[in-house]
Amino acid sequence: MNKKNNLKNIIKIKRSIAIIGSTILITIVGYLYFLTLPQYSLLQINKAFRKHNLSLANKYIDIEGLSNQVGDEMILIVKEEIYKNTPVSDNSWEALGQSMGKAMVENLLPAMSQQMKNTFKQSINNAIEGKDDGNTTNSNMSNFKNLTIKDILPGGKVKITKDKNDFLLSIPSNSKTNLVFRMKKDNGKWRIVTWNNLKDFSSDFNQPTSTDDKKVQSKTAKFGDRIDISNGWFLTVSKPEAYTPSNQFDKPDTGSKLIAVEVIYENSGKSIGGYDVSNLQLKDDQDHQFKNDFMSGKKKPELESGDLPENQKVRGYLTFEVPVDSTNFSAIYSSHIGGTVIIKQ
């Protein structure tokens, strides 16, 4: 009897080991497969922007190639405009003058192209390093930092579609038109190599973001103040405090820490309205700005964007991942309607 029971126990143990082994194997295979997907590359790009890691960004974005593309395509657009908007004169002297003028402009094109390449490259680098240079390119590229896992998954804001041997990546921009990039396989990983709808954004290059109105409306407040952000809406932001998740798996990467602030939105208007938590950023004493984009282990209750009926409040926490040596935080609220509010101690 004992031998039979022992045999049954041995069989159960072997089955359990087989099940655990199969589960581990499936998990490993699934993880290794995920590493080959463009979604993984996009997560690494997001991490590079959040961590201000230029080296990591270069592994998944061909910054040099994109810069060369911008310089080359912008020059083609300039040439098209020159010949399209300059009709040939019937007067021989005027025609000669036009010809000389075009020749002079064309002689300047190589220098213009190089300048555009340098400006674009610097603007991307600034975006990755968390520096706002007032350039529209910088503002658009910073959208990589705002992405969440939810955005990347099927049904999210990011669209990844197969195109022959490549993938096309579409992410939200600061205009109605999405940014569309081509991703190619490079040493086993998917890398952004070209900007497919660059021409749609050609008018944005070297143009500063529209901050004039915000500068006029800019004001300061203190943590804990009930701040009027226009149209019957009020905002209250608590003093930033260090936060440590109870689950060790939710803790930030080495060299980083979490800062949480409690935020209250209040709609005292006469109709339902929406609020966007991405309008609030944290800034440290080194002028680095951080968005509420830590992916797990956020302080509860977490505040998410949504709609708020009239005469109602909503309260919750925003959690920011920052370098461990960041101190002296201020909060910056910015919107087209409410302008900019700098909230300090």
C-alpha atoms as a PDB file:
ATOM      1  CA  MET A   1       0.000   0.000   0.000  1.00  0.00           C
ATOM      2  CA  ASN A   2       2.779   2.351   0.984  1.00  0.00           C
ATOM      3  CA  LYS A   3       4.624   1.510  -2.227  1.00  0.00           C
ATOM      4  CA  LYS A   4       1.551   2.428  -4.289  1.00  0.00           C
ATOM      5  CA  ASN A   5       1.143   5.740  -2.421  1.00  0.00           C
ATOM      6  CA  ASN A   6       4.806   6.516  -2.853  1.00  0.00           C
ATOM      7  CA  LEU A   7       4.534   5.733  -6.544  1.00  0.00           C
ATOM      8  CA  LYS A   8       1.511   8.020  -6.880  1.00  0.00           C
ATOM      9  CA  ASN A   9       3.341  10.808  -5.056  1.00  0.00           C
ATOM     10  CA  ILE A  10       6.362  10.395  -7.305  1.00  0.00           C
ATOM     11  CA  ILE A  11       4.130  10.570 -10.377  1.00  0.00           C
ATOM     12  CA  LYS A  12       2.417  13.736  -9.017  1.00  0.00           C
ATOM     13  CA  ILE A  13       5.769  15.327  -8.290  1.00  0.00           C
ATOM     14  CA  LYS A  14       7.020  14.513 -11.781  1.00  0.00           C
ATOM     15  CA  ARG A  15       3.858  15.955 -13.315  1.00  0.00           C
ATOM     16  CA  SER A  16       4.206  19.119 -11.239  1.00  0.00           C
ATOM     17  CA  ILE A  17       7.834  19.480 -12.265  1.00  0.00           C
ATOM     18  CA  ALA A  18       6.858  18.944 -15.900  1.00  0.00           C
ATOM     19  CA  ILE A  19       4.114  21.588 -15.666  1.00  0.00           C
ATOM     20  CA  ILE A  20       6.426  24.090 -13.957  1.00  0.00           C
ATOM     21  CA  GLY A  21       9.161  23.353 -16.479  1.00  0.00           C
ATOM     22  CA  SER A  22       6.764  23.810 -19.388  1.00  0.00           C
ATOM     23  CA  THR A  23       5.483  27.083 -17.922  1.00  0.00           C
ATOM     24  CA  ILE A  24       9.008  28.403 -17.494  1.00  0.00           C
ATOM     25  CA  LEU A  25       9.927  27.306 -21.004  1.00  0.00           C
ATOM     26  CA  ILE A  26       6.832  28.971 -22.508  1.00  0.00           C
ATOM     27  CA  THR A  27       7.588  32.162 -20.557  1.00  0.00           C
ATOM     28  CA  ILE A  28      11.191  32.228 -21.763  1.00  0.00           C
ATOM     29  CA  VAL A  29      10.189  31.527 -25.366  1.00  0.00           C
ATOM     30  CA  GLY A  30       7.481  34.197 -25.170  1.00  0.00           C
ATOM     31  CA  TYR A  31       9.930  36.745 -23.764  1.00  0.00           C
ATOM     32  CA  LEU A  32      12.551  35.953 -26.397  1.00  0.00           C
ATOM     33  CA  TYR A  33       9.881  36.340 -29.080  1.00  0.00           C
ATOM     34  CA  PHE A  34       8.787  39.710 -27.632  1.00  0.00           C
ATOM     35  CA  LEU A  35      12.390  40.919 -27.920  1.00  0.00           C
ATOM     36  CA  THR A  36      12.085  40.494 -31.700  1.00  0.00           C
ATOM     37  CA  LEU A  37       8.958  42.670 -32.038  1.00  0.00           C
ATOM     38  CA  PRO A  38       8.859  46.383 -32.958  1.00  0.00           C
ATOM     39  CA  GLN A  39       6.841  46.951 -29.769  1.00  0.00           C
ATOM     40  CA  TYR A  40       9.927  46.059 -27.737  1.00  0.00           C
ATOM     41  CA  SER A  41      12.004  48.608 -29.664  1.00  0.00           C
ATOM     42  CA  LEU A  42       9.334  51.222 -29.022  1.00  0.00           C
ATOM     43  CA  LEU A  43       9.459  50.505 -25.288  1.00  0.00           C
ATOM     44  CA  GLN A  44      13.237  50.971 -25.400  1.00  0.00           C
ATOM     45  CA  ILE A  45      12.807  54.294 -27.211  1.00  0.00           C
ATOM     46  CA  ASN A  46      10.286  55.347 -24.581  1.00  0.00           C
ATOM     47  CA  LYS A  47      12.769  54.368 -21.863  1.00  0.00           C
ATOM     48  CA  ALA A  48      15.552  56.331 -23.583  1.00  0.00           C
ATOM     49  CA  PHE A  49      13.422  59.488 -23.567  1.00  0.00           C
ATOM     50  CA  ARG A  50      12.352  58.961 -19.943  1.00  0.00           C
ATOM     51  CA  LYS A  51      15.907  58.267 -18.766  1.00  0.00           C
ATOM     52  CA  HIS A  52      17.502  60.906 -21.033  1.00  0.00           C
ATOM     53  CA  ASN A  53      19.706  58.118 -22.424  1.00  0.00           C
ATOM     54  CA  LEU A  54      21.049  59.241 -25.795  1.00  0.00           C
ATOM     55  CA  SER A  55      23.122  56.081 -26.262  1.00  0.00           C
ATOM     56  CA  LEU A  56      20.065  53.834 -25.857  1.00  0.00           C
ATOM     57  CA  ALA A  57      18.021  56.019 -28.219  1.00  0.00           C
ATOM     58  CA  ASN A  58      20.664  55.704 -30.939  1.00  0.00           C
ATOM     59  CA  LYS A  59      20.349  51.914 -30.827  1.00  0.00           C
ATOM     60  CA  TYR A  60      16.692  52.113 -31.851  1.00  0.00           C
ATOM     61  CA  ILE A  61      16.570  55.386 -33.814  1.00  0.00           C
ATOM     62  CA  ASP A  62      18.867  56.196 -36.713  1.00  0.00           C
ATOM     63  CA  ILE A  63      19.224  59.819 -35.645  1.00  0.00           C
ATOM     64  CA  GLU A  64      22.017  60.484 -38.135  1.00  0.00           C
ATOM     65  CA  GLY A  65      19.977  58.977 -40.967  1.00  0.00           C
ATOM     66  CA  LEU A  66      16.840  60.953 -40.053  1.00  0.00           C
ATOM     67  CA  SER A  67      18.885  64.155 -39.893  1.00  0.00           C
ATOM     68  CA  ASN A  68      20.320  63.513 -43.366  1.00  0.00           C
ATOM     69  CA  GLN A  69      16.822  62.772 -44.672  1.00  0.00           C
ATOM     70  CA  VAL A  70      15.522  66.068 -43.290  1.00  0.00           C
ATOM     71  CA  GLY A  71      18.348  68.069 -44.860  1.00  0.00           C
ATOM     72  CA  ASP A  72      18.007  66.369 -48.251  1.00  0.00           C
ATOM     73  CA  GLU A  73      14.199  66.475 -48.479  1.00  0.00           C
ATOM     74  CA  MET A  74      13.916  70.059 -47.263  1.00  0.00           C
ATOM     75  CA  ILE A  75      16.299  71.169 -50.000  1.00  0.00           C
ATOM     76  CA  LEU A  76      14.175  69.381 -52.602  1.00  0.00           C
ATOM     77  CA  ILE A  77      11.128  71.239 -51.281  1.00  0.00           C
ATOM     78  CA  VAL A  78      13.005  74.551 -51.479  1.00  0.00           C
ATOM     79  CA  LYS A  79      13.988  73.832 -55.091  1.00  0.00           C
ATOM     80  CA  GLU A  80      10.397  72.978 -55.993  1.00  0.00           C
ATOM     81  CA  GLU A  81       9.222  76.277 -54.506  1.00  0.00           C
ATOM     82  CA  ILE A  82      11.891  78.251 -56.368  1.00  0.00           C
ATOM     83  CA  TYR A  83      10.921  76.925 -59.782  1.00  0.00           C
ATOM     84  CA  LYS A  84       7.198  76.748 -59.098  1.00  0.00           C
ATOM     85  CA  ASN A  85       6.837  80.326 -57.877  1.00  0.00           C
ATOM     86  CA  THR A  86       9.230  82.012 -60.319  1.00  0.00           C
ATOM     87  CA  PRO A  87       7.735  82.225 -63.837  1.00  0.00           C
ATOM     88  CA  VAL A  88      10.238  82.759 -66.643  1.00  0.00           C
ATOM     89  CA  SER A  89      10.158  86.348 -67.878  1.00  0.00           C
ATOM     90  CA  ASP A  90       9.876  87.208 -71.561  1.00  0.00           C
ATOM     91  CA  ASN A  91      12.315  90.049 -71.020  1.00  0.00           C
ATOM     92  CA  SER A  92      15.853  88.774 -71.671  1.00  0.00           C
ATOM     93  CA  TRP A  93      17.412  90.947 -68.951  1.00  0.00           C
ATOM     94  CA  GLU A  94      14.830  89.886 -66.371  1.00  0.00           C
ATOM     95  CA  ALA A  95      15.267  86.258 -67.408  1.00  0.00           C
ATOM     96  CA  LEU A  96      19.033  86.622 -66.971  1.00  0.00           C
ATOM     97  CA  GLY A  97      18.511  88.138 -63.518  1.00  0.00           C
ATOM     98  CA  GLN A  98      16.177  85.305 -62.551  1.00  0.00           C
ATOM     99  CA  SER A  99      18.706  82.765 -63.760  1.00  0.00           C
ATOM    100  CA  MET A 100      21.500  84.392 -61.758  1.00  0.00           C
ATOM    101  CA  GLY A 101      19.291  84.607 -58.686  1.00  0.00           C
ATOM    102  CA  LYS A 102      18.404  80.913 -58.897  1.00  0.00           C
ATOM    103  CA  ALA A 103      22.064  80.030 -59.348  1.00  0.00           C
ATOM    104  CA  MET A 104      22.994  82.019 -56.228  1.00  0.00           C
ATOM    105  CA  VAL A 105      20.292  80.290 -54.206  1.00  0.00           C
ATOM    106  CA  GLU A 106      21.348  76.871 -55.474  1.00  0.00           C
ATOM    107  CA  ASN A 107      24.928  77.619 -54.441  1.00  0.00           C
ATOM    108  CA  LEU A 108      23.662  78.231 -50.915  1.00  0.00           C
ATOM    109  CA  LEU A 109      21.588  75.028 -50.791  1.00  0.00           C
ATOM    110  CA  PRO A 110      24.390  72.692 -49.577  1.00  0.00           C
ATOM    111  CA  ALA A 111      25.085  74.981 -46.616  1.00  0.00           C
ATOM    112  CA  MET A 112      21.336  75.283 -45.915  1.00  0.00           C
ATOM    113  CA  SER A 113      21.001  71.499 -46.063  1.00  0.00           C
ATOM    114  CA  GLN A 114      23.818  70.996 -43.577  1.00  0.00           C
ATOM    115  CA  GLN A 115      22.332  73.613 -41.267  1.00  0.00           C
ATOM    116  CA  MET A 116      18.962  71.840 -41.341  1.00  0.00           C
ATOM    117  CA  LYS A 117      20.636  68.508 -40.610  1.00  0.00           C
ATOM    118  CA  ASN A 118      22.517  69.955 -37.650  1.00  0.00           C
ATOM    119  CA  THR A 119      19.452  71.749 -36.275  1.00  0.00           C
ATOM    120  CA  PHE A 120      17.244  68.669 -36.566  1.00  0.00           C
ATOM    121  CA  LYS A 121      19.842  66.396 -34.975  1.00  0.00           C
ATOM    122  CA  GLN A 122      20.387  68.798 -32.096  1.00  0.00           C
ATOM    123  CA  SER A 123      16.658  69.154 -31.571  1.00  0.00           C
ATOM    124  CA  ILE A 124      16.169  65.364 -31.323  1.00  0.00           C
ATOM    125  CA  ASN A 125      19.106  65.107 -28.920  1.00  0.00           C
ATOM    126  CA  ASN A 126      17.625  67.884 -26.796  1.00  0.00           C
ATOM    127  CA  ALA A 127      14.258  66.107 -26.727  1.00  0.00           C
ATOM    128  CA  ILE A 128      15.901  62.870 -25.554  1.00  0.00           C
ATOM    129  CA  GLU A 129      17.905  64.696 -22.904  1.00  0.00           C
ATOM    130  CA  GLY A 130      14.792  66.472 -21.621  1.00  0.00           C
ATOM    131  CA  LYS A 131      15.766  69.942 -22.834  1.00  0.00           C
ATOM    132  CA  ASP A 132      13.044  72.097 -24.384  1.00  0.00           C
ATOM    133  CA  ASP A 133      14.654  74.229 -27.113  1.00  0.00           C
ATOM    134  CA  GLY A 134      11.361  75.758 -28.302  1.00  0.00           C
ATOM    135  CA  ASN A 135      11.552  73.906 -31.613  1.00  0.00           C
ATOM    136  CA  THR A 136       8.492  72.103 -32.996  1.00  0.00           C
ATOM    137  CA  THR A 137      10.635  69.072 -33.870  1.00  0.00           C
ATOM    138  CA  ASN A 138      11.699  68.865 -30.241  1.00  0.00           C
ATOM    139  CA  SER A 139       8.073  69.058 -29.100  1.00  0.00           C
ATOM    140  CA  ASN A 140       6.891  66.374 -31.550  1.00  0.00           C
ATOM    141  CA  MET A 141       9.710  63.943 -30.804  1.00  0.00           C
ATOM    142  CA  SER A 142       9.071  64.310 -27.084  1.00  0.00           C
ATOM    143  CA  ASN A 143       5.815  62.412 -27.663  1.00  0.00           C
ATOM    144  CA  PHE A 144       7.853  59.196 -27.568  1.00  0.00           C
ATOM    145  CA  LYS A 145       8.302  59.892 -23.865  1.00  0.00           C
ATOM    146  CA  ASN A 146       4.561  60.160 -23.256  1.00  0.00           C
ATOM    147  CA  LEU A 147       3.730  56.664 -24.512  1.00  0.00           C
ATOM    148  CA  THR A 148       2.504  53.985 -22.127  1.00  0.00           C
ATOM    149  CA  ILE A 149       2.181  50.212 -22.462  1.00  0.00           C
ATOM    150  CA  LYS A 150      -1.541  50.757 -23.019  1.00  0.00           C
ATOM    151  CA  ASP A 151      -0.755  53.032 -25.988  1.00  0.00           C
ATOM    152  CA  ILE A 152       1.527  50.414 -27.561  1.00  0.00           C
ATOM    153  CA  LEU A 153      -0.781  47.431 -27.174  1.00  0.00           C
ATOM    154  CA  PRO A 154      -3.379  46.612 -29.897  1.00  0.00           C
ATOM    155  CA  GLY A 155      -6.165  49.190 -29.839  1.00  0.00           C
ATOM    156  CA  GLY A 156      -3.887  51.864 -28.358  1.00  0.00           C
ATOM    157  CA  LYS A 157      -2.819  55.235 -29.750  1.00  0.00           C
ATOM    158  CA  VAL A 158       0.209  53.748 -31.495  1.00  0.00           C
ATOM    159  CA  LYS A 159      -0.377  51.910 -34.777  1.00  0.00           C
ATOM    160  CA  ILE A 160       2.219  49.407 -36.005  1.00  0.00           C
ATOM    161  CA  THR A 161       1.509  47.872 -39.411  1.00  0.00           C
ATOM    162  CA  LYS A 162       3.464  45.440 -41.549  1.00  0.00           C
ATOM    163  CA  ASP A 163       4.797  46.831 -44.847  1.00  0.00           C
ATOM    164  CA  LYS A 164       6.570  44.068 -46.795  1.00  0.00           C
ATOM    165  CA  ASN A 165       9.742  43.358 -44.797  1.00  0.00           C
ATOM    166  CA  ASP A 166       9.403  46.496 -42.660  1.00  0.00           C
ATOM    167  CA  PHE A 167       6.975  48.015 -40.177  1.00  0.00           C
ATOM    168  CA  LEU A 168       5.296  51.422 -40.277  1.00  0.00           C
ATOM    169  CA  LEU A 169       5.009  53.139 -36.908  1.00  0.00           C
ATOM    170  CA  SER A 170       2.359  55.825 -36.378  1.00  0.00           C
ATOM    171  CA  ILE A 171       2.325  57.829 -33.140  1.00  0.00           C
ATOM    172  CA  PRO A 172       0.371  60.951 -32.096  1.00  0.00           C
ATOM    173  CA  SER A 173       1.955  64.332 -32.764  1.00  0.00           C
ATOM    174  CA  ASN A 174       1.110  67.834 -31.539  1.00  0.00           C
ATOM    175  CA  SER A 175      -1.054  68.368 -34.614  1.00  0.00           C
ATOM    176  CA  LYS A 176      -3.920  66.455 -36.218  1.00  0.00           C
ATOM    177  CA  THR A 177      -1.459  64.458 -38.347  1.00  0.00           C
ATOM    178  CA  ASN A 178       0.324  61.490 -36.775  1.00  0.00           C
ATOM    179  CA  LEU A 179       4.074  61.018 -37.060  1.00  0.00           C
ATOM    180  CA  VAL A 180       4.775  58.031 -39.345  1.00  0.00           C
ATOM    181  CA  PHE A 181       8.169  56.303 -39.339  1.00  0.00           C
ATOM    182  CA  ARG A 182       9.581  53.243 -41.095  1.00  0.00           C
ATOM    183  CA  MET A 183      11.251  50.581 -38.960  1.00  0.00           C
ATOM    184  CA  LYS A 184      13.783  48.132 -40.398  1.00  0.00           C
ATOM    185  CA  LYS A 185      15.487  45.110 -38.850  1.00  0.00           C
ATOM    186  CA  ASP A 186      19.034  46.004 -37.810  1.00  0.00           C
ATOM    187  CA  ASN A 187      21.215  43.456 -36.010  1.00  0.00           C
ATOM    188  CA  GLY A 188      18.217  41.611 -34.651  1.00  0.00           C
ATOM    189  CA  LYS A 189      16.268  44.674 -33.476  1.00  0.00           C
ATOM    190  CA  TRP A 190      13.738  46.977 -35.116  1.00  0.00           C
ATOM    191  CA  ARG A 191      15.062  50.485 -35.671  1.00  0.00           C
ATOM    192  CA  ILE A 192      13.457  53.712 -36.899  1.00  0.00           C
ATOM    193  CA  VAL A 193      15.294  54.610 -40.105  1.00  0.00           C
ATOM    194  CA  THR A 194      13.115  57.057 -42.074  1.00  0.00           C
ATOM    195  CA  TRP A 195      10.344  59.573 -41.498  1.00  0.00           C
ATOM    196  CA  ASN A 196       7.638  58.602 -43.984  1.00  0.00           C
ATOM    197  CA  ASN A 197       5.422  61.697 -43.810  1.00  0.00           C
ATOM    198  CA  LEU A 198       8.172  64.243 -43.301  1.00  0.00           C
ATOM    199  CA  LYS A 199       6.690  66.532 -45.955  1.00  0.00           C
ATOM    200  CA  ASP A 200       3.515  66.947 -43.875  1.00  0.00           C
ATOM    201  CA  PHE A 201       5.647  68.629 -41.187  1.00  0.00           C
ATOM    202  CA  SER A 202       7.997  70.602 -43.444  1.00  0.00           C
ATOM    203  CA  SER A 203       6.483  73.935 -42.423  1.00  0.00           C
ATOM    204  CA  ASP A 204       7.285  73.174 -38.774  1.00  0.00           C
ATOM    205  CA  PHE A 205      11.054  73.032 -39.156  1.00  0.00           C
ATOM    206  CA  ASN A 206      12.933  75.729 -37.293  1.00  0.00           C
ATOM    207  CA  GLN A 207       9.581  77.105 -36.155  1.00  0.00           C
ATOM    208  CA  PRO A 208       9.256  77.666 -32.418  1.00  0.00           C
ATOM    209  CA  THR A 209       6.332  76.158 -30.581  1.00  0.00           C
ATOM    210  CA  SER A 210       3.487  78.584 -29.978  1.00  0.00           C
ATOM    211  CA  THR A 211       4.373  79.733 -26.484  1.00  0.00           C
ATOM    212  CA  ASP A 212       3.767  83.457 -26.878  1.00  0.00           C
ATOM    213  CA  ASP A 213       0.244  83.269 -25.445  1.00  0.00           C
ATOM    214  CA  LYS A 214       1.442  81.056 -22.612  1.00  0.00           C
ATOM    215  CA  LYS A 215       4.167  83.528 -21.691  1.00  0.00           C
ATOM    216  CA  VAL A 216       1.602  86.297 -21.481  1.00  0.00           C
ATOM    217  CA  GLN A 217      -0.658  84.181 -19.266  1.00  0.00           C
ATOM    218  CA  SER A 218       2.157  82.635 -17.198  1.00  0.00           C
ATOM    219  CA  LYS A 219       1.709  82.914 -13.446  1.00  0.00           C
ATOM    220  CA  THR A 220       3.105  81.416 -10.269  1.00  0.00           C
ATOM    221  CA  ALA A 221       1.497  79.664  -7.301  1.00  0.00           C
ATOM    222  CA  LYS A 222       2.440  77.607  -4.273  1.00  0.00           C
ATOM    223  CA  PHE A 223       1.867  73.947  -3.565  1.00  0.00           C
ATOM    224  CA  GLY A 224      -1.515  73.593  -1.884  1.00  0.00           C
ATOM    225  CA  ASP A 225      -3.009  76.710  -3.519  1.00  0.00           C
ATOM    226  CA  ARG A 226      -6.381  76.462  -5.252  1.00  0.00           C
ATOM    227  CA  ILE A 227      -5.379  77.732  -8.703  1.00  0.00           C
ATOM    228  CA  ASP A 228      -7.827  79.208 -11.220  1.00  0.00           C
ATOM    229  CA  ILE A 229      -7.002  77.628 -14.605  1.00  0.00           C
ATOM    230  CA  SER A 230      -9.867  79.400 -16.420  1.00  0.00           C
ATOM    231  CA  ASN A 231     -13.426  78.623 -17.486  1.00  0.00           C
ATOM    232  CA  GLY A 232     -14.513  77.686 -13.967  1.00  0.00           C
ATOM    233  CA  TRP A 233     -11.783  75.078 -13.502  1.00  0.00           C
ATOM    234  CA  PHE A 234      -9.466  74.970 -10.499  1.00  0.00           C
ATOM    235  CA  LEU A 235      -6.335  72.958  -9.788  1.00  0.00           C
ATOM    236  CA  THR A 236      -4.623  72.078  -6.507  1.00  0.00           C
ATOM    237  CA  VAL A 237      -1.233  70.366  -6.395  1.00  0.00           C
ATOM    238  CA  SER A 238       0.266  69.064  -3.160  1.00  0.00           C
ATOM    239  CA  LYS A 239       3.930  69.279  -2.231  1.00  0.00           C
ATOM    240  CA  PRO A 240       6.000  66.570  -4.023  1.00  0.00           C
ATOM    241  CA  GLU A 241       6.970  63.688  -1.737  1.00  0.00           C
ATOM    242  CA  ALA A 242       9.148  60.609  -2.155  1.00  0.00           C
ATOM    243  CA  TYR A 243       7.198  57.408  -2.729  1.00  0.00           C
ATOM    244  CA  THR A 244       8.356  53.797  -2.366  1.00  0.00           C
ATOM    245  CA  PRO A 245       6.103  51.011  -3.726  1.00  0.00           C
ATOM    246  CA  SER A 246       5.474  48.127  -1.351  1.00  0.00           C
ATOM    247  CA  ASN A 247       6.091  45.594  -4.127  1.00  0.00           C
ATOM    248  CA  GLN A 248       9.793  45.327  -4.973  1.00  0.00           C
ATOM    249  CA  PHE A 249       8.941  44.491  -8.585  1.00  0.00           C
ATOM    250  CA  ASP A 250       7.307  47.915  -8.956  1.00  0.00           C
ATOM    251  CA  LYS A 251      10.375  49.844  -7.869  1.00  0.00           C
ATOM    252  CA  PRO A 252      12.159  52.124 -10.382  1.00  0.00           C
ATOM    253  CA  ASP A 253      15.421  51.303 -12.100  1.00  0.00           C
ATOM    254  CA  THR A 254      18.746  51.771 -10.347  1.00  0.00           C
ATOM    255  CA  GLY A 255      19.678  55.441 -10.274  1.00  0.00           C
ATOM    256  CA  SER A 256      16.053  56.594 -10.162  1.00  0.00           C
ATOM    257  CA  LYS A 257      13.458  57.338  -7.511  1.00  0.00           C
ATOM    258  CA  LEU A 258       9.730  58.009  -7.451  1.00  0.00           C
ATOM    259  CA  ILE A 259       8.075  61.305  -6.542  1.00  0.00           C
ATOM    260  CA  ALA A 260       4.313  61.530  -6.033  1.00  0.00           C
ATOM    261  CA  VAL A 261       2.017  64.552  -5.888  1.00  0.00           C
ATOM    262  CA  GLU A 262      -1.657  64.637  -5.018  1.00  0.00           C
ATOM    263  CA  VAL A 263      -3.712  66.559  -7.579  1.00  0.00           C
ATOM    264  CA  ILE A 264      -7.258  67.896  -7.377  1.00  0.00           C
ATOM    265  CA  TYR A 265      -9.203  69.050 -10.430  1.00  0.00           C
ATOM    266  CA  GLU A 266     -12.393  70.983  -9.729  1.00  0.00           C
ATOM    267  CA  ASN A 267     -15.061  71.853 -12.291  1.00  0.00           C
ATOM    268  CA  SER A 268     -17.196  74.690 -10.977  1.00  0.00           C
ATOM    269  CA  GLY A 269     -18.484  75.537 -14.458  1.00  0.00           C
ATOM    270  CA  LYS A 270     -21.940  74.989 -15.890  1.00  0.00           C
ATOM    271  CA  SER A 271     -21.251  71.925 -18.037  1.00  0.00           C
ATOM    272  CA  ILE A 272     -19.265  68.713 -18.137  1.00  0.00           C
ATOM    273  CA  GLY A 273     -15.643  69.090 -19.234  1.00  0.00           C
ATOM    274  CA  GLY A 274     -12.432  67.136 -19.662  1.00  0.00           C
ATOM    275  CA  TYR A 275      -9.097  67.322 -17.879  1.00  0.00           C
ATOM    276  CA  ASP A 276      -5.730  65.969 -19.021  1.00  0.00           C
ATOM    277  CA  VAL A 277      -3.168  64.897 -16.418  1.00  0.00           C
ATOM    278  CA  SER A 278      -0.375  65.121 -19.017  1.00  0.00           C
ATOM    279  CA  ASN A 279      -0.683  68.917 -18.736  1.00  0.00           C
ATOM    280  CA  LEU A 280       1.136  68.691 -15.404  1.00  0.00           C
ATOM    281  CA  GLN A 281       4.884  68.043 -15.317  1.00  0.00           C
ATOM    282  CA  LEU A 282       7.514  68.000 -12.619  1.00  0.00           C
ATOM    283  CA  LYS A 283      10.740  69.986 -12.890  1.00  0.00           C
ATOM    284  CA  ASP A 284      13.927  69.637 -10.840  1.00  0.00           C
ATOM    285  CA  ASP A 285      16.683  72.070  -9.937  1.00  0.00           C
ATOM    286  CA  GLN A 286      18.645  71.052 -13.053  1.00  0.00           C
ATOM    287  CA  ASP A 287      15.783  72.199 -15.347  1.00  0.00           C
ATOM    288  CA  HIS A 288      14.873  68.644 -16.332  1.00  0.00           C
ATOM    289  CA  GLN A 289      11.144  68.120 -16.832  1.00  0.00           C
ATOM    290  CA  PHE A 290       9.393  64.841 -16.107  1.00  0.00           C
ATOM    291  CA  LYS A 291       6.016  63.491 -17.143  1.00  0.00           C
ATOM    292  CA  ASN A 292       3.707  61.152 -15.302  1.00  0.00           C
ATOM    293  CA  ASP A 293       4.849  58.130 -17.311  1.00  0.00           C
ATOM    294  CA  PHE A 294       6.104  55.608 -14.754  1.00  0.00           C
ATOM    295  CA  MET A 295       4.520  52.394 -16.016  1.00  0.00           C
ATOM    296  CA  SER A 296       3.890  50.392 -12.838  1.00  0.00           C
ATOM    297  CA  GLY A 297       3.706  50.763  -9.085  1.00  0.00           C
ATOM    298  CA  LYS A 298       2.086  54.191  -9.149  1.00  0.00           C
ATOM    299  CA  LYS A 299       0.798  55.585  -5.893  1.00  0.00           C
ATOM    300  CA  LYS A 300      -2.884  54.840  -5.354  1.00  0.00           C
ATOM    301  CA  PRO A 301      -5.422  56.106  -6.012  1.00  0.00           C
ATOM    302  CA  GLU A 302      -3.919  57.018  -9.368  1.00  0.00           C
ATOM    303  CA  LEU A 303      -5.355  60.032 -11.178  1.00  0.00           C
ATOM    304  CA  GLU A 304      -6.093  59.495 -14.862  1.00  0.00           C
ATOM    305  CA  SER A 305      -7.383  61.858 -17.548  1.00  0.00           C
ATOM    306  CA  GLY A 306     -11.142  61.953 -17.974  1.00  0.00           C
ATOM    307  CA  ASP A 307     -14.349  63.972 -17.937  1.00  0.00           C
ATOM    308  CA  LEU A 308     -15.751  65.729 -14.901  1.00  0.00           C
ATOM    309  CA  PRO A 309     -19.374  66.855 -14.474  1.00  0.00           C
ATOM    310  CA  GLU A 310     -20.149  70.398 -13.371  1.00  0.00           C
ATOM    311  CA  ASN A 311     -19.681  71.190  -9.657  1.00  0.00           C
ATOM    312  CA  GLN A 312     -17.596  68.048  -9.091  1.00  0.00           C
ATOM    313  CA  LYS A 313     -14.039  67.321  -7.961  1.00  0.00           C
ATOM    314  CA  VAL A 314     -11.629  64.505  -8.723  1.00  0.00           C
ATOM    315  CA  ARG A 315      -8.588  63.666  -6.621  1.00  0.00           C
ATOM    316  CA  GLY A 316      -5.657  61.282  -7.050  1.00  0.00           C
ATOM    317  CA  TYR A 317      -1.896  60.879  -7.284  1.00  0.00           C
ATOM    318  CA  LEU A 318       0.537  61.366 -10.159  1.00  0.00           C
ATOM    319  CA  THR A 319       3.816  59.484  -9.906  1.00  0.00           C
ATOM    320  CA  PHE A 320       7.023  60.649 -11.555  1.00  0.00           C
ATOM    321  CA  GLU A 321      10.253  58.724 -12.092  1.00  0.00           C
ATOM    322  CA  VAL A 322      13.249  61.037 -11.664  1.00  0.00           C
ATOM    323  CA  PRO A 323      17.034  60.708 -11.234  1.00  0.00           C
ATOM    324  CA  VAL A 324      17.968  59.851  -7.658  1.00  0.00           C
ATOM    325  CA  ASP A 325      19.905  63.117  -7.246  1.00  0.00           C
ATOM    326  CA  SER A 326      17.025  65.371  -8.387  1.00  0.00           C
ATOM    327  CA  THR A 327      15.850  67.870  -5.744  1.00  0.00           C
ATOM    328  CA  ASN A 328      13.931  71.121  -5.251  1.00  0.00           C
ATOM    329  CA  PHE A 329      10.948  70.222  -7.388  1.00  0.00           C
ATOM    330  CA  SER A 330       8.440  72.568  -8.917  1.00  0.00           C
ATOM    331  CA  ALA A 331       5.345  71.626 -10.907  1.00  0.00           C
ATOM    332  CA  ILE A 332       4.410  73.138 -14.260  1.00  0.00           C
ATOM    333  CA  TYR A 333       0.830  73.142 -15.484  1.00  0.00           C
ATOM    334  CA  SER A 334       0.415  74.128 -19.131  1.00  0.00           C
ATOM    335  CA  SER A 335      -2.588  74.160 -21.466  1.00  0.00           C
ATOM    336  CA  HIS A 336      -3.839  76.225 -24.414  1.00  0.00           C
ATOM    337  CA  ILE A 337      -6.753  77.515 -22.348  1.00  0.00           C
ATOM    338  CA  GLY A 338      -5.261  77.860 -18.886  1.00  0.00           C
ATOM    339  CA  GLY A 339      -1.853  79.109 -19.963  1.00  0.00           C
ATOM    340  CA  THR A 340       1.154  78.179 -17.848  1.00  0.00           C
ATOM    341  CA  VAL A 341       1.284  78.004 -14.059  1.00  0.00           C
ATOM    342  CA  ILE A 342       4.569  77.435 -12.241  1.00  0.00           C
ATOM    343  CA  ILE A 343       3.908  75.896  -8.820  1.00  0.00           C
ATOM    344  CA  LYS A 344       6.679  76.112  -6.233  1.00  0.00           C
ATOM    345  CA  GLN A 345       7.360  75.569  -2.539  1.00  0.00           C
END
